[in-house]
Amino acid sequence: GLLLNGTGSNQRFMLSSLSQESASSSSVTYSRTLTLSDALVGDSGAYTCEATNDKNVKNKTFFDVHVEAILSTTDALEAIIQQPVHMTCLATVAVLASSDVTWWREEPDGNVIQIISETGIEISQEEFGQHLLRSVLKIEEVDSLHTGTYSCRISTSSNNFQADVTLAVLKDVFEVSTTQESYVVGEGATVVLKCTTFAGQAPSDISFFSPSGLLLNGTGSNQRFMLSSLSQESASSSSVTYSRTLTL
């Protein structure tokens, strides 16, 4: 029954000014809006709109507002074997007043076990924005046994909430390719050789060697060979592509 006027303890409620929408010879239509920002579970309930005319006659209408808890995570993740992975879950702070987010994993035999912080596995929680809390499950070094379905959960006095994420662990990849394997040119022509890597992480270097095995770095006796810097071309959650060119 609190009057919502956008001041004091209810500053999240913004009240517009009274606005005339239409008029005829016999009636006028006015409106006013109430805007609630950063809705919380505790804001659920019946809201009343009460209008009063110049004769102090009051009339009412009602709104039923139901705010559900937010509990969300990424649907699917891919990770390279022996690399770290982070799974993130967001939940409303209001729901977490009496309970924390917990993490669970479905075993290959169908059993579901709770995950706790231990060597190589860390669970952390922190406020994220004004009304959200972020829970992060971090696995320092994944292997094929970590493949499966994970879920973050929270229970309140009235509801249980769960959000699932599927983790796929990929074998480490390290592929090297060229844009063109064979070149036929005349003397005096310019030749550009491009080498590309596709891997789980950035390469430490991409080098070029001459037919005699000489490292071509653009200095000394091979100044006619110009070597570009290492360049990232694309990236995804599980791999990155880098390239480098040698110009003769």
C-alpha atoms as a PDB file:
ATOM      1  CA  GLY A   1       0.000   0.000   0.000  1.00  0.00           C
ATOM      2  CA  LEU A   2       2.992   2.346  -0.288  1.00  0.00           C
ATOM      3  CA  LEU A   3       2.451   5.438  -2.430  1.00  0.00           C
ATOM      4  CA  LEU A   4       4.967   5.279  -5.289  1.00  0.00           C
ATOM      5  CA  ASN A   5       6.155   8.767  -6.132  1.00  0.00           C
ATOM      6  CA  GLY A   6       9.739   8.117  -7.204  1.00  0.00           C
ATOM      7  CA  THR A   7      11.357   9.608  -4.090  1.00  0.00           C
ATOM      8  CA  GLY A   8      12.902   8.295  -0.889  1.00  0.00           C
ATOM      9  CA  SER A   9      13.012   4.499  -0.608  1.00  0.00           C
ATOM     10  CA  ASN A  10      11.252   3.939  -3.939  1.00  0.00           C
ATOM     11  CA  GLN A  11      13.549   5.827  -6.303  1.00  0.00           C
ATOM     12  CA  ARG A  12      13.591   2.838  -8.681  1.00  0.00           C
ATOM     13  CA  PHE A  13       9.963   3.747  -9.504  1.00  0.00           C
ATOM     14  CA  MET A  14       9.770   6.618 -11.996  1.00  0.00           C
ATOM     15  CA  LEU A  15       6.418   8.383 -12.328  1.00  0.00           C
ATOM     16  CA  SER A  16       5.594  10.327 -15.473  1.00  0.00           C
ATOM     17  CA  SER A  17       3.597  13.532 -15.545  1.00  0.00           C
ATOM     18  CA  LEU A  18      -0.164  13.469 -16.217  1.00  0.00           C
ATOM     19  CA  SER A  19      -0.710  13.524 -19.979  1.00  0.00           C
ATOM     20  CA  GLN A  20      -3.822  14.200 -22.069  1.00  0.00           C
ATOM     21  CA  GLU A  21      -4.154  11.664 -24.883  1.00  0.00           C
ATOM     22  CA  SER A  22      -7.447  12.672 -26.527  1.00  0.00           C
ATOM     23  CA  ALA A  23     -10.551  14.793 -26.096  1.00  0.00           C
ATOM     24  CA  SER A  24     -14.072  14.959 -27.471  1.00  0.00           C
ATOM     25  CA  SER A  25     -17.145  17.077 -26.773  1.00  0.00           C
ATOM     26  CA  SER A  26     -18.155  14.732 -23.962  1.00  0.00           C
ATOM     27  CA  SER A  27     -14.954  13.277 -22.519  1.00  0.00           C
ATOM     28  CA  VAL A  28     -11.201  13.487 -22.178  1.00  0.00           C
ATOM     29  CA  THR A  29      -8.605  10.732 -21.877  1.00  0.00           C
ATOM     30  CA  TYR A  30      -5.598  11.155 -19.611  1.00  0.00           C
ATOM     31  CA  SER A  31      -2.770   8.741 -18.772  1.00  0.00           C
ATOM     32  CA  ARG A  32       0.220   8.364 -16.506  1.00  0.00           C
ATOM     33  CA  THR A  33       2.948   5.692 -16.432  1.00  0.00           C
ATOM     34  CA  LEU A  34       4.949   4.106 -13.648  1.00  0.00           C
ATOM     35  CA  THR A  35       8.331   2.678 -14.664  1.00  0.00           C
ATOM     36  CA  LEU A  36      10.173   0.189 -12.452  1.00  0.00           C
ATOM     37  CA  SER A  37      13.887  -0.200 -13.158  1.00  0.00           C
ATOM     38  CA  ASP A  38      15.992  -3.193 -12.075  1.00  0.00           C
ATOM     39  CA  ALA A  39      12.976  -5.268 -11.040  1.00  0.00           C
ATOM     40  CA  LEU A  40      13.552  -7.691  -8.152  1.00  0.00           C
ATOM     41  CA  VAL A  41      11.668 -10.747  -6.968  1.00  0.00           C
ATOM     42  CA  GLY A  42      10.484  -8.717  -3.954  1.00  0.00           C
ATOM     43  CA  ASP A  43       8.718  -6.286  -6.307  1.00  0.00           C
ATOM     44  CA  SER A  44       6.159  -8.956  -7.246  1.00  0.00           C
ATOM     45  CA  GLY A  45       2.545  -8.326  -6.272  1.00  0.00           C
ATOM     46  CA  ALA A  46      -0.626  -6.363  -7.035  1.00  0.00           C
ATOM     47  CA  TYR A  47      -0.139  -2.724  -7.992  1.00  0.00           C
ATOM     48  CA  THR A  48      -2.975  -0.199  -7.825  1.00  0.00           C
ATOM     49  CA  CYS A  49      -3.657   2.737 -10.109  1.00  0.00           C
ATOM     50  CA  GLU A  50      -6.020   5.249  -8.446  1.00  0.00           C
ATOM     51  CA  ALA A  51      -7.514   8.222 -10.297  1.00  0.00           C
ATOM     52  CA  THR A  52      -9.223  11.154  -8.582  1.00  0.00           C
ATOM     53  CA  ASN A  53     -11.425  13.752 -10.304  1.00  0.00           C
ATOM     54  CA  ASP A  54     -12.177  17.356  -9.363  1.00  0.00           C
ATOM     55  CA  LYS A  55     -15.104  16.211  -7.173  1.00  0.00           C
ATOM     56  CA  ASN A  56     -12.750  13.969  -5.182  1.00  0.00           C
ATOM     57  CA  VAL A  57     -14.331  10.832  -6.648  1.00  0.00           C
ATOM     58  CA  LYS A  58     -11.794   8.003  -6.773  1.00  0.00           C
ATOM     59  CA  ASN A  59     -11.657   5.052  -9.138  1.00  0.00           C
ATOM     60  CA  LYS A  60      -9.113   2.214  -9.241  1.00  0.00           C
ATOM     61  CA  THR A  61      -7.645  -0.412 -11.521  1.00  0.00           C
ATOM     62  CA  PHE A  62      -5.084  -3.109 -10.714  1.00  0.00           C
ATOM     63  CA  PHE A  63      -1.976  -4.681 -12.207  1.00  0.00           C
ATOM     64  CA  ASP A  64      -0.492  -8.032 -11.235  1.00  0.00           C
ATOM     65  CA  VAL A  65       3.302  -8.082 -11.581  1.00  0.00           C
ATOM     66  CA  HIS A  66       5.344 -11.264 -11.195  1.00  0.00           C
ATOM     67  CA  VAL A  67       9.136 -10.942 -11.227  1.00  0.00           C
ATOM     68  CA  GLU A  68      10.979 -14.238 -11.699  1.00  0.00           C
ATOM     69  CA  ALA A  69      14.478 -14.921 -10.459  1.00  0.00           C
ATOM     70  CA  ILE A  70      17.251 -14.606 -13.001  1.00  0.00           C
ATOM     71  CA  LEU A  71      19.524 -17.591 -13.224  1.00  0.00           C
ATOM     72  CA  SER A  72      21.338 -17.883 -16.518  1.00  0.00           C
ATOM     73  CA  THR A  73      24.527 -19.208 -18.049  1.00  0.00           C
ATOM     74  CA  THR A  74      25.999 -19.930 -21.481  1.00  0.00           C
ATOM     75  CA  ASP A  75      24.270 -22.885 -23.146  1.00  0.00           C
ATOM     76  CA  ALA A  76      27.454 -24.495 -24.475  1.00  0.00           C
ATOM     77  CA  LEU A  77      31.220 -24.092 -24.187  1.00  0.00           C
ATOM     78  CA  GLU A  78      34.216 -25.583 -25.961  1.00  0.00           C
ATOM     79  CA  ALA A  79      37.642 -25.869 -24.351  1.00  0.00           C
ATOM     80  CA  ILE A  80      41.015 -27.123 -25.522  1.00  0.00           C
ATOM     81  CA  ILE A  81      42.447 -29.989 -23.504  1.00  0.00           C
ATOM     82  CA  GLN A  82      44.938 -28.921 -20.796  1.00  0.00           C
ATOM     83  CA  GLN A  83      43.685 -25.319 -21.025  1.00  0.00           C
ATOM     84  CA  PRO A  84      41.623 -23.451 -18.378  1.00  0.00           C
ATOM     85  CA  VAL A  85      37.881 -22.915 -18.750  1.00  0.00           C
ATOM     86  CA  HIS A  86      35.456 -20.588 -16.969  1.00  0.00           C
ATOM     87  CA  MET A  87      31.713 -21.204 -16.625  1.00  0.00           C
ATOM     88  CA  THR A  88      29.673 -18.204 -15.469  1.00  0.00           C
ATOM     89  CA  CYS A  89      26.220 -18.046 -13.889  1.00  0.00           C
ATOM     90  CA  LEU A  90      24.216 -14.883 -13.156  1.00  0.00           C
ATOM     91  CA  ALA A  91      21.531 -14.667 -10.455  1.00  0.00           C
ATOM     92  CA  THR A  92      19.506 -11.893  -8.827  1.00  0.00           C
ATOM     93  CA  VAL A  93      20.945 -10.684  -5.527  1.00  0.00           C
ATOM     94  CA  ALA A  94      17.500 -10.622  -3.916  1.00  0.00           C
ATOM     95  CA  VAL A  95      17.086 -14.361  -4.423  1.00  0.00           C
ATOM     96  CA  LEU A  96      20.496 -14.984  -2.919  1.00  0.00           C
ATOM     97  CA  ALA A  97      19.680 -13.409   0.438  1.00  0.00           C
ATOM     98  CA  SER A  98      19.483 -16.807   2.121  1.00  0.00           C
ATOM     99  CA  SER A  99      21.241 -19.135  -0.336  1.00  0.00           C
ATOM    100  CA  ASP A 100      24.298 -19.231  -2.597  1.00  0.00           C
ATOM    101  CA  VAL A 101      24.599 -20.519  -6.127  1.00  0.00           C
ATOM    102  CA  THR A 102      25.822 -24.128  -6.200  1.00  0.00           C
ATOM    103  CA  TRP A 103      27.413 -25.991  -9.104  1.00  0.00           C
ATOM    104  CA  TRP A 104      26.619 -29.575 -10.142  1.00  0.00           C
ATOM    105  CA  ARG A 105      27.800 -32.035 -12.783  1.00  0.00           C
ATOM    106  CA  GLU A 106      26.065 -34.991 -14.396  1.00  0.00           C
ATOM    107  CA  GLU A 107      28.332 -38.049 -14.315  1.00  0.00           C
ATOM    108  CA  PRO A 108      28.499 -40.523 -17.261  1.00  0.00           C
ATOM    109  CA  ASP A 109      26.434 -42.995 -15.196  1.00  0.00           C
ATOM    110  CA  GLY A 110      23.646 -40.433 -14.805  1.00  0.00           C
ATOM    111  CA  ASN A 111      24.379 -39.497 -11.195  1.00  0.00           C
ATOM    112  CA  VAL A 112      24.517 -35.773 -10.416  1.00  0.00           C
ATOM    113  CA  ILE A 113      27.178 -34.634  -7.959  1.00  0.00           C
ATOM    114  CA  GLN A 114      27.857 -31.247  -6.395  1.00  0.00           C
ATOM    115  CA  ILE A 115      31.125 -29.536  -7.336  1.00  0.00           C
ATOM    116  CA  ILE A 116      33.164 -27.921  -4.579  1.00  0.00           C
ATOM    117  CA  SER A 117      36.357 -25.876  -4.651  1.00  0.00           C
ATOM    118  CA  GLU A 118      39.419 -28.102  -4.537  1.00  0.00           C
ATOM    119  CA  THR A 119      42.821 -28.409  -6.183  1.00  0.00           C
ATOM    120  CA  GLY A 120      42.409 -27.378  -9.820  1.00  0.00           C
ATOM    121  CA  ILE A 121      38.770 -26.282  -9.361  1.00  0.00           C
ATOM    122  CA  GLU A 122      37.699 -22.907  -7.989  1.00  0.00           C
ATOM    123  CA  ILE A 123      34.196 -21.504  -7.369  1.00  0.00           C
ATOM    124  CA  SER A 124      33.870 -17.778  -6.725  1.00  0.00           C
ATOM    125  CA  GLN A 125      31.000 -15.298  -6.302  1.00  0.00           C
ATOM    126  CA  GLU A 126      30.908 -11.541  -6.690  1.00  0.00           C
ATOM    127  CA  GLU A 127      28.368  -8.778  -7.174  1.00  0.00           C
ATOM    128  CA  PHE A 128      27.879  -7.940 -10.843  1.00  0.00           C
ATOM    129  CA  GLY A 129      26.106  -4.637 -11.366  1.00  0.00           C
ATOM    130  CA  GLN A 130      23.597  -3.293  -8.863  1.00  0.00           C
ATOM    131  CA  HIS A 131      21.262  -6.268  -8.454  1.00  0.00           C
ATOM    132  CA  LEU A 132      23.084  -9.281  -9.917  1.00  0.00           C
ATOM    133  CA  LEU A 133      25.566 -11.750  -8.542  1.00  0.00           C
ATOM    134  CA  ARG A 134      28.017 -13.660 -10.698  1.00  0.00           C
ATOM    135  CA  SER A 135      29.188 -17.153  -9.793  1.00  0.00           C
ATOM    136  CA  VAL A 136      32.167 -18.552 -11.706  1.00  0.00           C
ATOM    137  CA  LEU A 137      33.289 -22.168 -11.898  1.00  0.00           C
ATOM    138  CA  LYS A 138      36.917 -22.297 -13.023  1.00  0.00           C
ATOM    139  CA  ILE A 139      38.712 -25.500 -14.019  1.00  0.00           C
ATOM    140  CA  GLU A 140      42.450 -24.849 -14.231  1.00  0.00           C
ATOM    141  CA  GLU A 141      43.303 -27.594 -16.729  1.00  0.00           C
ATOM    142  CA  VAL A 142      40.523 -29.505 -18.474  1.00  0.00           C
ATOM    143  CA  ASP A 143      40.798 -33.025 -19.786  1.00  0.00           C
ATOM    144  CA  SER A 144      38.406 -35.366 -21.575  1.00  0.00           C
ATOM    145  CA  LEU A 145      36.862 -36.442 -18.243  1.00  0.00           C
ATOM    146  CA  HIS A 146      35.482 -32.917 -17.771  1.00  0.00           C
ATOM    147  CA  THR A 147      33.236 -33.256 -20.834  1.00  0.00           C
ATOM    148  CA  GLY A 148      29.549 -33.187 -19.870  1.00  0.00           C
ATOM    149  CA  THR A 149      26.641 -31.128 -18.562  1.00  0.00           C
ATOM    150  CA  TYR A 150      27.107 -28.704 -15.682  1.00  0.00           C
ATOM    151  CA  SER A 151      24.383 -26.766 -13.881  1.00  0.00           C
ATOM    152  CA  CYS A 152      24.233 -23.839 -11.505  1.00  0.00           C
ATOM    153  CA  ARG A 153      21.373 -24.038  -9.014  1.00  0.00           C
ATOM    154  CA  ILE A 154      19.671 -22.040  -6.312  1.00  0.00           C
ATOM    155  CA  SER A 155      16.767 -22.887  -4.035  1.00  0.00           C
ATOM    156  CA  THR A 156      14.394 -20.459  -2.340  1.00  0.00           C
ATOM    157  CA  SER A 157      11.512 -21.077   0.039  1.00  0.00           C
ATOM    158  CA  SER A 158       9.115 -21.303  -2.908  1.00  0.00           C
ATOM    159  CA  ASN A 159      11.104 -22.340  -5.993  1.00  0.00           C
ATOM    160  CA  ASN A 160      14.157 -24.172  -7.303  1.00  0.00           C
ATOM    161  CA  PHE A 161      16.074 -22.608 -10.198  1.00  0.00           C
ATOM    162  CA  GLN A 162      18.614 -24.247 -12.494  1.00  0.00           C
ATOM    163  CA  ALA A 163      20.603 -23.250 -15.585  1.00  0.00           C
ATOM    164  CA  ASP A 164      22.636 -25.775 -17.599  1.00  0.00           C
ATOM    165  CA  VAL A 165      25.816 -25.504 -19.647  1.00  0.00           C
ATOM    166  CA  THR A 166      27.353 -28.233 -21.798  1.00  0.00           C
ATOM    167  CA  LEU A 167      31.149 -28.417 -21.897  1.00  0.00           C
ATOM    168  CA  ALA A 168      32.943 -30.078 -24.806  1.00  0.00           C
ATOM    169  CA  VAL A 169      36.678 -30.708 -24.390  1.00  0.00           C
ATOM    170  CA  LEU A 170      38.582 -30.728 -27.691  1.00  0.00           C
ATOM    171  CA  LYS A 171      41.955 -32.219 -28.471  1.00  0.00           C
ATOM    172  CA  ASP A 172      44.718 -29.655 -28.844  1.00  0.00           C
ATOM    173  CA  VAL A 173      45.070 -28.668 -32.480  1.00  0.00           C
ATOM    174  CA  PHE A 174      48.105 -27.157 -34.168  1.00  0.00           C
ATOM    175  CA  GLU A 175      47.826 -26.970 -37.933  1.00  0.00           C
ATOM    176  CA  VAL A 176      49.989 -25.047 -40.388  1.00  0.00           C
ATOM    177  CA  SER A 177      48.892 -24.283 -43.940  1.00  0.00           C
ATOM    178  CA  THR A 178      49.832 -22.172 -46.958  1.00  0.00           C
ATOM    179  CA  THR A 179      47.581 -20.217 -49.265  1.00  0.00           C
ATOM    180  CA  GLN A 180      49.399 -21.652 -52.284  1.00  0.00           C
ATOM    181  CA  GLU A 181      51.913 -24.509 -52.461  1.00  0.00           C
ATOM    182  CA  SER A 182      53.527 -23.846 -55.854  1.00  0.00           C
ATOM    183  CA  TYR A 183      54.653 -20.615 -57.565  1.00  0.00           C
ATOM    184  CA  VAL A 184      56.049 -20.176 -61.092  1.00  0.00           C
ATOM    185  CA  VAL A 185      57.351 -16.635 -61.799  1.00  0.00           C
ATOM    186  CA  GLY A 186      59.872 -14.904 -64.014  1.00  0.00           C
ATOM    187  CA  GLU A 187      63.043 -13.222 -62.823  1.00  0.00           C
ATOM    188  CA  GLY A 188      62.388  -9.788 -61.315  1.00  0.00           C
ATOM    189  CA  ALA A 189      58.898 -10.722 -60.117  1.00  0.00           C
ATOM    190  CA  THR A 190      57.657 -10.303 -56.548  1.00  0.00           C
ATOM    191  CA  VAL A 191      56.620 -13.417 -54.652  1.00  0.00           C
ATOM    192  CA  VAL A 192      54.489 -13.306 -51.485  1.00  0.00           C
ATOM    193  CA  LEU A 193      54.397 -16.457 -49.349  1.00  0.00           C
ATOM    194  CA  LYS A 194      51.758 -16.629 -46.621  1.00  0.00           C
ATOM    195  CA  CYS A 195      51.805 -19.152 -43.789  1.00  0.00           C
ATOM    196  CA  THR A 196      48.788 -19.623 -41.483  1.00  0.00           C
ATOM    197  CA  THR A 197      48.437 -21.484 -38.175  1.00  0.00           C
ATOM    198  CA  PHE A 198      45.221 -22.785 -36.620  1.00  0.00           C
ATOM    199  CA  ALA A 199      45.632 -23.727 -32.964  1.00  0.00           C
ATOM    200  CA  GLY A 200      44.224 -23.559 -29.457  1.00  0.00           C
ATOM    201  CA  GLN A 201      46.499 -20.636 -28.633  1.00  0.00           C
ATOM    202  CA  ALA A 202      48.770 -18.136 -30.357  1.00  0.00           C
ATOM    203  CA  PRO A 203      52.021 -19.536 -31.805  1.00  0.00           C
ATOM    204  CA  SER A 204      55.265 -18.312 -30.261  1.00  0.00           C
ATOM    205  CA  ASP A 205      56.634 -17.702 -33.758  1.00  0.00           C
ATOM    206  CA  ILE A 206      56.193 -18.418 -37.484  1.00  0.00           C
ATOM    207  CA  SER A 207      59.501 -18.705 -39.349  1.00  0.00           C
ATOM    208  CA  PHE A 208      60.504 -19.111 -43.002  1.00  0.00           C
ATOM    209  CA  PHE A 209      63.549 -20.997 -44.315  1.00  0.00           C
ATOM    210  CA  SER A 210      65.262 -20.910 -47.724  1.00  0.00           C
ATOM    211  CA  PRO A 211      65.755 -24.070 -49.897  1.00  0.00           C
ATOM    212  CA  SER A 212      69.232 -24.337 -48.344  1.00  0.00           C
ATOM    213  CA  GLY A 213      67.818 -24.179 -44.816  1.00  0.00           C
ATOM    214  CA  LEU A 214      68.766 -20.541 -44.140  1.00  0.00           C
ATOM    215  CA  LEU A 215      66.506 -18.688 -41.694  1.00  0.00           C
ATOM    216  CA  LEU A 216      64.963 -15.779 -43.608  1.00  0.00           C
ATOM    217  CA  ASN A 217      64.595 -12.816 -41.286  1.00  0.00           C
ATOM    218  CA  GLY A 218      65.098  -9.885 -43.662  1.00  0.00           C
ATOM    219  CA  THR A 219      68.564  -8.958 -42.396  1.00  0.00           C
ATOM    220  CA  GLY A 220      72.150  -9.503 -43.531  1.00  0.00           C
ATOM    221  CA  SER A 221      72.488 -11.449 -46.760  1.00  0.00           C
ATOM    222  CA  ASN A 222      68.754 -11.943 -47.176  1.00  0.00           C
ATOM    223  CA  GLN A 223      67.564  -8.328 -47.085  1.00  0.00           C
ATOM    224  CA  ARG A 224      65.497  -8.924 -50.239  1.00  0.00           C
ATOM    225  CA  PHE A 225      63.208 -11.056 -48.090  1.00  0.00           C
ATOM    226  CA  MET A 226      60.716  -8.913 -46.171  1.00  0.00           C
ATOM    227  CA  LEU A 227      59.061 -10.574 -43.208  1.00  0.00           C
ATOM    228  CA  SER A 228      55.743  -9.239 -41.845  1.00  0.00           C
ATOM    229  CA  SER A 229      54.833  -9.219 -38.182  1.00  0.00           C
ATOM    230  CA  LEU A 230      52.740 -12.011 -36.686  1.00  0.00           C
ATOM    231  CA  SER A 231      49.052 -11.184 -37.223  1.00  0.00           C
ATOM    232  CA  GLN A 232      45.874 -12.600 -35.649  1.00  0.00           C
ATOM    233  CA  GLU A 233      43.201 -13.211 -38.283  1.00  0.00           C
ATOM    234  CA  SER A 234      40.357 -14.731 -36.257  1.00  0.00           C
ATOM    235  CA  ALA A 235      39.489 -16.211 -32.861  1.00  0.00           C
ATOM    236  CA  SER A 236      36.792 -18.343 -31.252  1.00  0.00           C
ATOM    237  CA  SER A 237      36.256 -19.828 -27.804  1.00  0.00           C
ATOM    238  CA  SER A 238      38.413 -22.825 -28.753  1.00  0.00           C
ATOM    239  CA  SER A 239      40.960 -21.675 -31.363  1.00  0.00           C
ATOM    240  CA  VAL A 240      42.843 -18.778 -32.904  1.00  0.00           C
ATOM    241  CA  THR A 241      44.212 -18.256 -36.407  1.00  0.00           C
ATOM    242  CA  TYR A 242      47.487 -16.398 -36.989  1.00  0.00           C
ATOM    243  CA  SER A 243      49.439 -15.670 -40.172  1.00  0.00           C
ATOM    244  CA  ARG A 244      52.703 -14.227 -41.400  1.00  0.00           C
ATOM    245  CA  THR A 245      53.930 -13.350 -44.885  1.00  0.00           C
ATOM    246  CA  LEU A 246      57.344 -13.436 -46.545  1.00  0.00           C
ATOM    247  CA  THR A 247      57.818 -11.162 -49.564  1.00  0.00           C
ATOM    248  CA  LEU A 248      60.673 -11.792 -52.014  1.00  0.00           C
END
